Amino acid sequence: MLRPHRCTLLIFTLVIVMGWTGSAGAHHRGGLPLVHPDAPQPQALLEGATGPLSLKAEAYWQRLLAQEQAGDPAAAIKTGLALVNIFPQSREGAAALLKAGELAQKQGNTDDALELFGLVRFLTPGSPQASQACLAASALELARDVHRAGAMQSLRLFLERTSHLPPGYSPELFQEALKTGWLAVASQIEHTSPLPLSKVEEVLALWDLQPKGLGPPEAARLLAGLLQQHGLADEAQAVLAGATGKDRKNQQDMPTAGRLNQSLLLGGQAVLPQAKSPTPLRELAETISAPAWQLRWPAGFEPAGTAGDFLNRFQPCPPHTAWLQGYLPPLGKDLMPSWSPLLMDQPRYETARECASESSSPQEAPAPAAMAKQPGEPVQEPFSQYCLGVNCIQGGHPEEAQAIFQELAQNHDHFWQNLARVRLADLELSRLQAEPAP
């Protein structure tokens, strides 16, 4: 038998329990469902560069980006290293190391950047991040070594290291590195003119090592200028035809001018790249002189109004001496590689004057006759000598041609020696064929 006070306590407890369950049941009446809050949607796991950090790789990656955006590269690098240490297998790890390397490079910490790029390649071989890291490290080493180890050697090492990069690297970074290397090469060789043929071959080898389509316009102009100096206008045209960049049309003016140089010696006509027939010298002069008007000329030395006057100024007459001295500095940057050394000696001046004069046509001033007007001036430049020999052959003077090629075969570098020997062999073969059969 329950005692009264225990009975009272039991009734009070039942009332409380029944009241609570009744209140809970009221929420189910009238079709009202229980409210279950949704799980939080994926979102930024941190707010800014500071604050609580979730133990997830994505959180560390977002923190790194926020710190970079806030201008704290040192903290961003630490966050990237922490991400890799805590989550070594995460997909954000390689990107974090690559970003840390780029930040270290921007701070000028070359050794740290190279080490971080090396870690990316070691941890994720064959990945796009590894490809980009290899390119970034090679570009950094190129910029570091190009002035102390030699421009041509440093550029060659860069091209060899990046010759088999898997997909994933930045073409823009590759082109920027190539531009750095080629500008250094140009600076190294700009004071040597004409450049020895062996050095030209080295530059050609560097050009061939580049990935197709990534060669910068600076490299094309440099190589075309070197080829032009050796009289190889067609090769220069081929190099510029494959150049990249918006100034491709302007680059083609240089070999076009070179064709004029050759035409002045080879009979007074030349063929433009887009033409199907020989182009008269005056029309060709109009074509190649147009870029010259755009130069910033010294006061009092503005170019003439016609192509004939333009060519007439390339002659050694005393009245033009002062003009030429003011002409050369601006011309040196934009057009001089097209004309020098092919029009920088007296025979060429005289030939240009004769071919451009109003009273004569190119055919009336053949190259041998114009060059013969300067008997006291020996032809020093091998290209001039070679062209004069060719004109003698075409003019039916094999003995004179033989004497010219014999001199050329003895007094110049191997390239011109070999070319002269070929012409001498042609002359000997022609002589033998012309002899009557026994």
Protein backbone atom coordinates (compact mmCIF):
# COMPACT_ATOMS: atom_id res chain seq x y z
CA MET A 1 0.00 0.00 0.00
CA LEU A 2 1.39 3.35 -1.10
CA ARG A 3 1.80 5.99 1.45
CA PRO A 4 0.01 9.30 0.82
CA HIS A 5 3.13 11.39 0.15
CA ARG A 6 4.53 8.81 -2.28
CA CYS A 7 1.22 8.71 -4.13
CA THR A 8 1.21 12.47 -4.40
CA LEU A 9 4.76 12.44 -5.86
CA LEU A 10 3.83 9.75 -8.43
CA ILE A 11 0.75 11.68 -9.59
CA PHE A 12 2.80 14.87 -9.95
CA THR A 13 5.39 13.04 -12.03
CA LEU A 14 2.75 11.54 -14.33
CA VAL A 15 1.20 14.97 -14.89
CA ILE A 16 4.54 16.41 -15.95
CA VAL A 17 5.28 13.52 -18.30
CA MET A 18 1.84 13.54 -19.88
CA GLY A 19 1.94 17.30 -20.30
CA TRP A 20 5.32 17.20 -22.10
CA THR A 21 4.28 14.44 -24.49
CA GLY A 22 1.04 16.23 -25.18
CA SER A 23 2.90 19.39 -26.02
CA ALA A 24 5.18 17.46 -28.33
CA GLY A 25 2.25 15.80 -30.00
CA ALA A 26 0.68 19.18 -30.70
CA HIS A 27 3.39 19.82 -33.27
CA HIS A 28 2.20 16.86 -35.31
CA ARG A 29 -1.38 17.97 -35.48
CA GLY A 30 -2.65 19.67 -38.60
CA GLY A 31 0.02 18.11 -40.81
CA LEU A 32 2.88 20.28 -39.45
CA PRO A 33 6.21 18.50 -39.96
CA LEU A 34 9.10 18.62 -37.61
CA VAL A 35 11.79 21.07 -38.66
CA HIS A 36 15.20 19.50 -39.43
CA PRO A 37 17.82 22.12 -40.37
CA ASP A 38 19.85 21.26 -43.53
CA ALA A 39 23.54 20.40 -43.34
CA PRO A 40 25.73 23.44 -44.07
CA GLN A 41 26.50 23.81 -47.78
CA PRO A 42 30.16 23.79 -48.95
CA GLN A 43 31.48 27.34 -48.72
CA ALA A 44 34.64 29.21 -47.93
CA LEU A 45 36.02 27.53 -44.84
CA LEU A 46 37.55 30.70 -43.51
CA GLU A 47 36.85 34.38 -43.53
CA GLY A 48 39.96 36.27 -44.68
CA ALA A 49 43.56 35.58 -43.89
CA THR A 50 43.04 35.09 -40.14
CA GLY A 51 40.64 33.37 -37.82
CA PRO A 52 39.71 29.76 -37.08
CA LEU A 53 40.98 27.24 -39.62
CA SER A 54 39.22 23.99 -40.44
CA LEU A 55 41.40 20.90 -40.62
CA LYS A 56 40.87 20.45 -44.34
CA ALA A 57 43.21 20.92 -47.28
CA GLU A 58 40.74 23.25 -48.97
CA ALA A 59 40.73 25.49 -45.92
CA TYR A 60 44.51 25.83 -46.01
CA TRP A 61 44.45 26.54 -49.73
CA GLN A 62 41.86 29.29 -49.28
CA ARG A 63 43.87 30.73 -46.41
CA LEU A 64 46.99 30.80 -48.65
CA LEU A 65 45.11 32.70 -51.37
CA ALA A 66 43.67 35.14 -48.85
CA GLN A 67 47.11 35.84 -47.40
CA GLU A 68 48.52 36.40 -50.88
CA GLN A 69 45.67 38.79 -51.66
CA ALA A 70 46.31 40.61 -48.38
CA GLY A 71 49.94 41.20 -49.34
CA ASP A 72 51.53 38.80 -46.84
CA PRO A 73 53.62 36.42 -48.99
CA ALA A 74 55.68 35.13 -46.07
CA ALA A 75 52.55 33.95 -44.24
CA ALA A 76 51.16 32.49 -47.47
CA ILE A 77 54.33 30.45 -47.99
CA LYS A 78 54.10 29.09 -44.43
CA THR A 79 50.47 28.13 -44.98
CA GLY A 80 51.38 26.35 -48.21
CA LEU A 81 54.12 24.35 -46.49
CA ALA A 82 51.75 23.46 -43.66
CA LEU A 83 49.19 22.23 -46.19
CA VAL A 84 51.71 19.88 -47.78
CA ASN A 85 52.95 18.60 -44.40
CA ILE A 86 49.46 17.86 -43.08
CA PHE A 87 47.84 16.71 -46.34
CA PRO A 88 50.69 15.32 -48.47
CA GLN A 89 48.33 13.41 -50.81
CA SER A 90 45.82 16.20 -51.37
CA ARG A 91 45.21 17.68 -54.80
CA GLU A 92 45.91 21.14 -53.38
CA GLY A 93 49.43 20.18 -52.29
CA ALA A 94 51.22 20.62 -55.63
CA ALA A 95 49.36 23.86 -56.37
CA ALA A 96 50.29 25.20 -52.93
CA LEU A 97 53.99 24.44 -53.44
CA LEU A 98 53.92 25.98 -56.90
CA LYS A 99 52.26 29.10 -55.55
CA ALA A 100 54.77 29.27 -52.70
CA GLY A 101 57.64 29.04 -55.18
CA GLU A 102 56.20 31.88 -57.27
CA LEU A 103 55.81 34.03 -54.16
CA ALA A 104 59.39 33.30 -53.09
CA GLN A 105 60.58 34.28 -56.57
CA LYS A 106 58.70 37.58 -56.40
CA GLN A 107 60.40 38.29 -53.08
CA GLY A 108 63.79 37.72 -54.68
CA ASN A 109 64.51 34.48 -52.82
CA THR A 110 65.87 32.58 -55.80
CA ASP A 111 67.26 29.61 -53.86
CA ASP A 112 64.01 29.10 -51.93
CA ALA A 113 61.98 29.34 -55.13
CA LEU A 114 64.15 26.77 -56.91
CA GLU A 115 63.83 24.40 -53.94
CA LEU A 116 60.05 24.72 -53.89
CA PHE A 117 59.79 24.17 -57.64
CA GLY A 118 61.97 21.10 -57.22
CA LEU A 119 59.61 19.73 -54.55
CA VAL A 120 56.68 20.04 -56.95
CA ARG A 121 58.52 18.02 -59.58
CA PHE A 122 59.55 15.39 -57.00
CA LEU A 123 56.13 14.94 -55.39
CA THR A 124 53.99 15.03 -58.56
CA PRO A 125 56.10 13.85 -61.51
CA GLY A 126 54.37 14.14 -64.87
CA SER A 127 51.61 16.41 -63.60
CA PRO A 128 50.73 19.81 -65.11
CA GLN A 129 52.03 21.42 -61.92
CA ALA A 130 55.35 19.61 -62.34
CA SER A 131 55.59 20.83 -65.94
CA GLN A 132 54.95 24.40 -64.89
CA ALA A 133 57.43 24.08 -62.01
CA CYS A 134 60.14 22.79 -64.36
CA LEU A 135 59.58 25.71 -66.72
CA ALA A 136 59.53 28.24 -63.88
CA ALA A 137 62.77 26.87 -62.41
CA SER A 138 64.49 26.82 -65.80
CA ALA A 139 63.37 30.38 -66.57
CA LEU A 140 64.61 31.54 -63.17
CA GLU A 141 68.01 29.92 -63.74
CA LEU A 142 68.19 31.49 -67.21
CA ALA A 143 67.56 34.97 -65.82
CA ARG A 144 70.13 34.36 -63.08
CA ASP A 145 72.90 32.92 -65.29
CA VAL A 146 72.46 34.77 -68.57
CA HIS A 147 74.85 37.59 -67.68
CA ARG A 148 77.44 35.63 -65.75
CA ALA A 149 77.65 32.33 -67.62
CA GLY A 150 77.21 33.66 -71.15
CA ALA A 151 73.98 34.40 -72.97
CA MET A 152 74.22 31.76 -75.70
CA GLN A 153 75.25 28.99 -73.32
CA SER A 154 72.52 29.86 -70.80
CA LEU A 155 69.83 30.00 -73.47
CA ARG A 156 70.96 26.65 -74.88
CA LEU A 157 70.76 25.03 -71.42
CA PHE A 158 67.29 26.47 -70.92
CA LEU A 159 66.07 25.09 -74.24
CA GLU A 160 67.59 21.67 -73.55
CA ARG A 161 66.00 21.45 -70.08
CA THR A 162 62.57 22.37 -71.39
CA SER A 163 62.68 20.38 -74.62
CA HIS A 164 60.45 17.55 -73.36
CA LEU A 165 58.01 19.29 -71.04
CA PRO A 166 54.68 17.49 -70.62
CA PRO A 167 51.51 19.51 -71.23
CA GLY A 168 50.47 21.97 -68.57
CA TYR A 169 53.06 24.73 -68.74
CA SER A 170 52.29 28.35 -69.53
CA PRO A 171 53.19 29.40 -73.12
CA GLU A 172 53.30 33.01 -71.94
CA LEU A 173 55.98 32.20 -69.36
CA PHE A 174 57.93 30.26 -71.99
CA GLN A 175 57.84 33.18 -74.41
CA GLU A 176 58.88 35.63 -71.71
CA ALA A 177 61.88 33.46 -70.84
CA LEU A 178 62.83 33.17 -74.52
CA LYS A 179 62.62 36.93 -74.90
CA THR A 180 64.96 37.39 -71.93
CA GLY A 181 67.46 34.95 -73.40
CA TRP A 182 67.38 36.34 -76.93
CA LEU A 183 67.76 39.94 -75.79
CA ALA A 184 70.85 38.87 -73.85
CA VAL A 185 72.22 37.09 -76.93
CA ALA A 186 71.63 40.22 -79.02
CA SER A 187 73.41 42.33 -76.42
CA GLN A 188 76.35 39.92 -76.46
CA ILE A 189 76.88 39.97 -80.22
CA GLU A 190 75.76 43.48 -81.16
CA HIS A 191 79.31 44.85 -81.13
CA THR A 192 80.67 42.14 -83.46
CA SER A 193 79.93 42.86 -87.10
CA PRO A 194 80.00 40.90 -89.23
CA LEU A 195 79.54 38.00 -86.86
CA PRO A 196 81.75 34.99 -87.70
CA LEU A 197 79.89 32.26 -89.51
CA SER A 198 80.52 29.82 -86.65
CA LYS A 199 78.62 32.12 -84.29
CA VAL A 200 75.80 32.48 -86.81
CA GLU A 201 75.53 28.68 -86.85
CA GLU A 202 75.26 28.71 -83.03
CA VAL A 203 72.42 31.21 -83.23
CA LEU A 204 70.71 29.06 -85.87
CA ALA A 205 71.01 26.03 -83.59
CA LEU A 206 69.36 27.98 -80.76
CA TRP A 207 66.54 28.98 -83.08
CA ASP A 208 65.95 25.37 -84.09
CA LEU A 209 65.81 24.23 -80.44
CA GLN A 210 62.79 26.43 -79.72
CA PRO A 211 59.29 24.93 -79.68
CA LYS A 212 57.52 25.78 -82.91
CA GLY A 213 55.37 28.86 -82.68
CA LEU A 214 56.97 30.22 -79.50
CA GLY A 215 59.98 32.00 -80.99
CA PRO A 216 59.73 35.70 -80.06
CA PRO A 217 59.93 38.44 -82.72
CA GLU A 218 63.17 39.67 -81.13
CA ALA A 219 64.83 36.37 -81.97
CA ALA A 220 63.53 36.41 -85.54
CA ARG A 221 64.83 39.92 -86.15
CA LEU A 222 68.23 39.08 -84.66
CA LEU A 223 68.68 35.92 -86.71
CA ALA A 224 67.39 37.51 -89.91
CA GLY A 225 69.83 40.37 -89.45
CA LEU A 226 72.74 37.98 -89.07
CA LEU A 227 71.70 36.04 -92.15
CA GLN A 228 71.28 39.28 -94.06
CA GLN A 229 74.83 40.33 -93.18
CA HIS A 230 76.07 37.17 -94.88
CA GLY A 231 73.98 37.79 -97.97
CA LEU A 232 71.37 35.14 -97.20
CA ALA A 233 68.23 37.15 -97.90
CA ASP A 234 66.03 34.14 -98.71
CA GLU A 235 66.95 32.46 -95.43
CA ALA A 236 66.24 35.70 -93.57
CA GLN A 237 62.84 35.88 -95.25
CA ALA A 238 62.07 32.30 -94.19
CA VAL A 239 62.93 33.07 -90.57
CA LEU A 240 60.73 36.14 -90.45
CA ALA A 241 57.88 34.33 -92.21
CA GLY A 242 57.61 32.01 -89.23
CA ALA A 243 57.93 34.73 -86.61
CA THR A 244 55.17 35.40 -84.12
CA GLY A 245 53.85 38.77 -83.09
CA LYS A 246 51.84 41.64 -84.51
CA ASP A 247 54.82 43.28 -86.24
CA ARG A 248 55.40 40.45 -88.73
CA LYS A 249 54.76 42.74 -91.71
CA ASN A 250 57.31 45.30 -90.55
CA GLN A 251 59.86 42.54 -89.99
CA GLN A 252 59.63 41.57 -93.66
CA ASP A 253 61.00 44.96 -94.71
CA MET A 254 64.51 43.84 -93.79
CA PRO A 255 64.88 40.98 -96.30
CA THR A 256 63.03 43.09 -98.85
CA ALA A 257 65.74 45.71 -98.48
CA GLY A 258 68.29 42.95 -98.75
CA ARG A 259 66.79 41.94 -102.08
CA LEU A 260 67.35 45.49 -103.27
CA ASN A 261 70.98 45.26 -102.20
CA GLN A 262 71.39 42.09 -104.22
CA SER A 263 69.51 43.48 -107.20
CA LEU A 264 71.87 46.44 -107.35
CA LEU A 265 74.64 43.94 -108.03
CA LEU A 266 72.82 41.23 -109.94
CA GLY A 267 71.30 43.12 -112.84
CA GLY A 268 68.97 45.81 -111.56
CA GLN A 269 65.80 43.83 -110.77
CA ALA A 270 64.55 41.78 -107.85
CA VAL A 271 61.54 39.65 -106.99
CA LEU A 272 59.40 40.65 -104.04
CA PRO A 273 58.03 37.79 -101.88
CA GLN A 274 54.44 38.48 -103.00
CA ALA A 275 55.26 39.17 -106.67
CA LYS A 276 55.26 36.68 -109.54
CA SER A 277 57.58 38.69 -111.78
CA PRO A 278 60.70 40.84 -111.35
CA THR A 279 60.04 44.23 -109.79
CA PRO A 280 61.78 47.37 -111.12
CA LEU A 281 64.25 48.92 -108.73
CA ARG A 282 62.28 52.12 -108.35
CA GLU A 283 59.13 50.28 -107.25
CA LEU A 284 61.22 48.13 -104.92
CA ALA A 285 62.86 51.24 -103.48
CA GLU A 286 59.42 52.73 -102.81
CA THR A 287 58.52 49.56 -100.92
CA ILE A 288 61.56 49.38 -98.71
CA SER A 289 61.90 53.11 -98.06
CA ALA A 290 58.42 53.50 -96.58
CA PRO A 291 59.39 52.37 -93.05
CA ALA A 292 62.23 54.90 -93.08
CA TRP A 293 59.79 57.81 -93.04
CA GLN A 294 58.48 56.69 -89.67
CA LEU A 295 61.83 57.10 -87.92
CA ARG A 296 62.59 60.04 -85.62
CA TRP A 297 65.15 61.91 -87.70
CA PRO A 298 67.64 64.51 -86.43
CA ALA A 299 66.70 68.09 -87.23
CA GLY A 300 67.71 68.95 -90.77
CA PHE A 301 68.19 65.33 -91.83
CA GLU A 302 64.66 64.34 -92.79
CA PRO A 303 64.51 61.84 -95.68
CA ALA A 304 63.89 62.88 -99.24
CA GLY A 305 60.46 62.84 -100.80
CA THR A 306 61.10 60.23 -103.51
CA ALA A 307 62.68 56.83 -103.62
CA GLY A 308 65.25 58.07 -106.12
CA ASP A 309 66.38 60.84 -103.79
CA PHE A 310 66.40 58.36 -100.94
CA LEU A 311 68.83 56.11 -102.81
CA ASN A 312 70.88 59.05 -104.08
CA ARG A 313 71.80 59.91 -100.52
CA PHE A 314 73.68 56.63 -100.29
CA GLN A 315 76.72 57.90 -102.14
CA PRO A 316 80.13 59.13 -100.93
CA CYS A 317 79.84 62.68 -102.29
CA PRO A 318 81.14 65.31 -99.80
CA PRO A 319 77.83 67.23 -99.62
CA HIS A 320 76.21 64.15 -98.11
CA THR A 321 78.89 63.43 -95.50
CA ALA A 322 77.28 65.50 -92.75
CA TRP A 323 73.84 64.15 -93.62
CA LEU A 324 75.04 60.56 -93.35
CA GLN A 325 76.56 61.22 -89.92
CA GLY A 326 73.16 62.31 -88.67
CA TYR A 327 71.41 59.61 -90.67
CA LEU A 328 73.17 56.64 -89.15
CA PRO A 329 72.03 56.82 -85.46
CA PRO A 330 68.26 56.57 -86.08
CA LEU A 331 68.77 54.26 -89.02
CA GLY A 332 70.88 51.95 -86.90
CA LYS A 333 67.92 50.79 -84.82
CA ASP A 334 65.32 50.22 -87.50
CA LEU A 335 66.78 49.86 -90.96
CA MET A 336 70.58 49.75 -90.75
CA PRO A 337 70.77 45.92 -90.47
CA SER A 338 69.02 45.81 -93.85
CA TRP A 339 71.60 47.96 -95.59
CA SER A 340 74.81 47.35 -93.71
CA PRO A 341 77.30 46.13 -94.76
CA LEU A 342 75.76 45.58 -98.21
CA LEU A 343 75.38 49.26 -99.08
CA MET A 344 78.14 50.71 -96.93
CA ASP A 345 80.98 50.76 -99.49
CA GLN A 346 81.63 53.06 -102.44
CA PRO A 347 80.79 50.67 -105.30
CA ARG A 348 77.30 50.17 -103.85
CA TYR A 349 76.78 53.89 -103.38
CA GLU A 350 77.62 54.48 -107.02
CA THR A 351 75.43 51.60 -108.17
CA ALA A 352 72.49 52.88 -106.12
CA ARG A 353 72.94 56.35 -107.58
CA GLU A 354 73.06 55.05 -111.15
CA CYS A 355 70.09 52.73 -110.75
CA ALA A 356 67.94 55.40 -109.11
CA SER A 357 68.73 58.33 -111.39
CA GLU A 358 65.98 59.78 -113.55
CA SER A 359 68.03 59.56 -116.75
CA SER A 360 68.92 55.89 -116.67
CA SER A 361 67.18 52.59 -116.24
CA PRO A 362 68.53 49.67 -114.18
CA GLN A 363 69.49 47.87 -117.37
CA GLU A 364 71.66 50.84 -118.42
CA ALA A 365 73.71 50.60 -115.23
CA PRO A 366 74.77 46.97 -114.87
CA ALA A 367 76.61 46.18 -111.67
CA PRO A 368 80.07 45.41 -113.13
CA ALA A 369 80.16 48.71 -115.04
CA ALA A 370 79.08 50.73 -112.03
CA MET A 371 81.61 49.03 -109.79
CA ALA A 372 84.36 49.52 -112.35
CA LYS A 373 83.96 53.28 -111.91
CA GLN A 374 85.92 52.97 -108.68
CA PRO A 375 89.13 51.23 -109.86
CA GLY A 376 91.10 52.40 -106.86
CA GLU A 377 88.64 50.96 -104.36
CA PRO A 378 89.05 47.22 -103.78
CA VAL A 379 85.92 45.28 -102.96
CA GLN A 380 86.39 44.26 -99.33
CA GLU A 381 83.07 42.66 -98.49
CA PRO A 382 82.86 39.01 -99.65
CA PHE A 383 79.24 39.22 -100.75
CA SER A 384 80.13 42.07 -103.12
CA GLN A 385 83.00 40.07 -104.57
CA TYR A 386 80.84 37.00 -105.04
CA CYS A 387 78.08 38.97 -106.80
CA LEU A 388 80.61 40.65 -109.07
CA GLY A 389 81.94 37.23 -110.07
CA VAL A 390 78.43 36.01 -110.84
CA ASN A 391 77.80 39.07 -113.01
CA CYS A 392 81.02 38.40 -114.90
CA ILE A 393 79.82 34.86 -115.64
CA GLN A 394 76.44 36.12 -116.82
CA GLY A 395 78.15 38.77 -118.92
CA GLY A 396 80.32 36.25 -120.71
CA HIS A 397 83.65 37.04 -119.00
CA PRO A 398 84.72 33.71 -117.45
CA GLU A 399 88.38 34.74 -117.08
CA GLU A 400 87.46 37.75 -114.94
CA ALA A 401 85.06 35.62 -112.91
CA GLN A 402 87.75 33.01 -112.34
CA ALA A 403 90.17 35.64 -111.01
CA ILE A 404 87.52 37.01 -108.66
CA PHE A 405 86.56 33.60 -107.26
CA GLN A 406 90.20 32.59 -106.86
CA GLU A 407 90.79 35.65 -104.70
CA LEU A 408 87.59 35.00 -102.77
CA ALA A 409 88.64 31.40 -102.11
CA GLN A 410 91.87 32.55 -100.48
CA ASN A 411 91.06 35.66 -98.49
CA HIS A 412 87.83 35.04 -96.56
CA ASP A 413 86.19 32.67 -94.10
CA HIS A 414 85.30 29.05 -94.85
CA PHE A 415 81.76 29.79 -95.99
CA TRP A 416 82.87 32.08 -98.81
CA GLN A 417 85.89 29.91 -99.60
CA ASN A 418 83.67 26.89 -100.17
CA LEU A 419 81.19 28.93 -102.21
CA ALA A 420 84.00 30.28 -104.38
CA ARG A 421 85.40 26.78 -104.94
CA VAL A 422 81.97 25.63 -106.13
CA ARG A 423 81.87 28.47 -108.65
CA LEU A 424 85.41 27.68 -109.80
CA ALA A 425 84.39 24.07 -110.34
CA ASP A 426 81.40 25.26 -112.38
CA LEU A 427 83.68 27.41 -114.51
CA GLU A 428 86.06 24.51 -115.13
CA LEU A 429 83.19 22.22 -116.05
CA SER A 430 81.82 24.81 -118.48
CA ARG A 431 85.26 25.18 -120.04
CA LEU A 432 85.62 21.43 -120.53
CA GLN A 433 82.16 21.14 -122.03
CA ALA A 434 82.93 23.96 -124.45
CA GLU A 435 86.07 22.28 -125.79
CA PRO A 436 85.57 20.41 -129.08
CA ALA A 437 85.51 16.65 -128.84
CA PRO A 438 88.73 14.95 -130.07
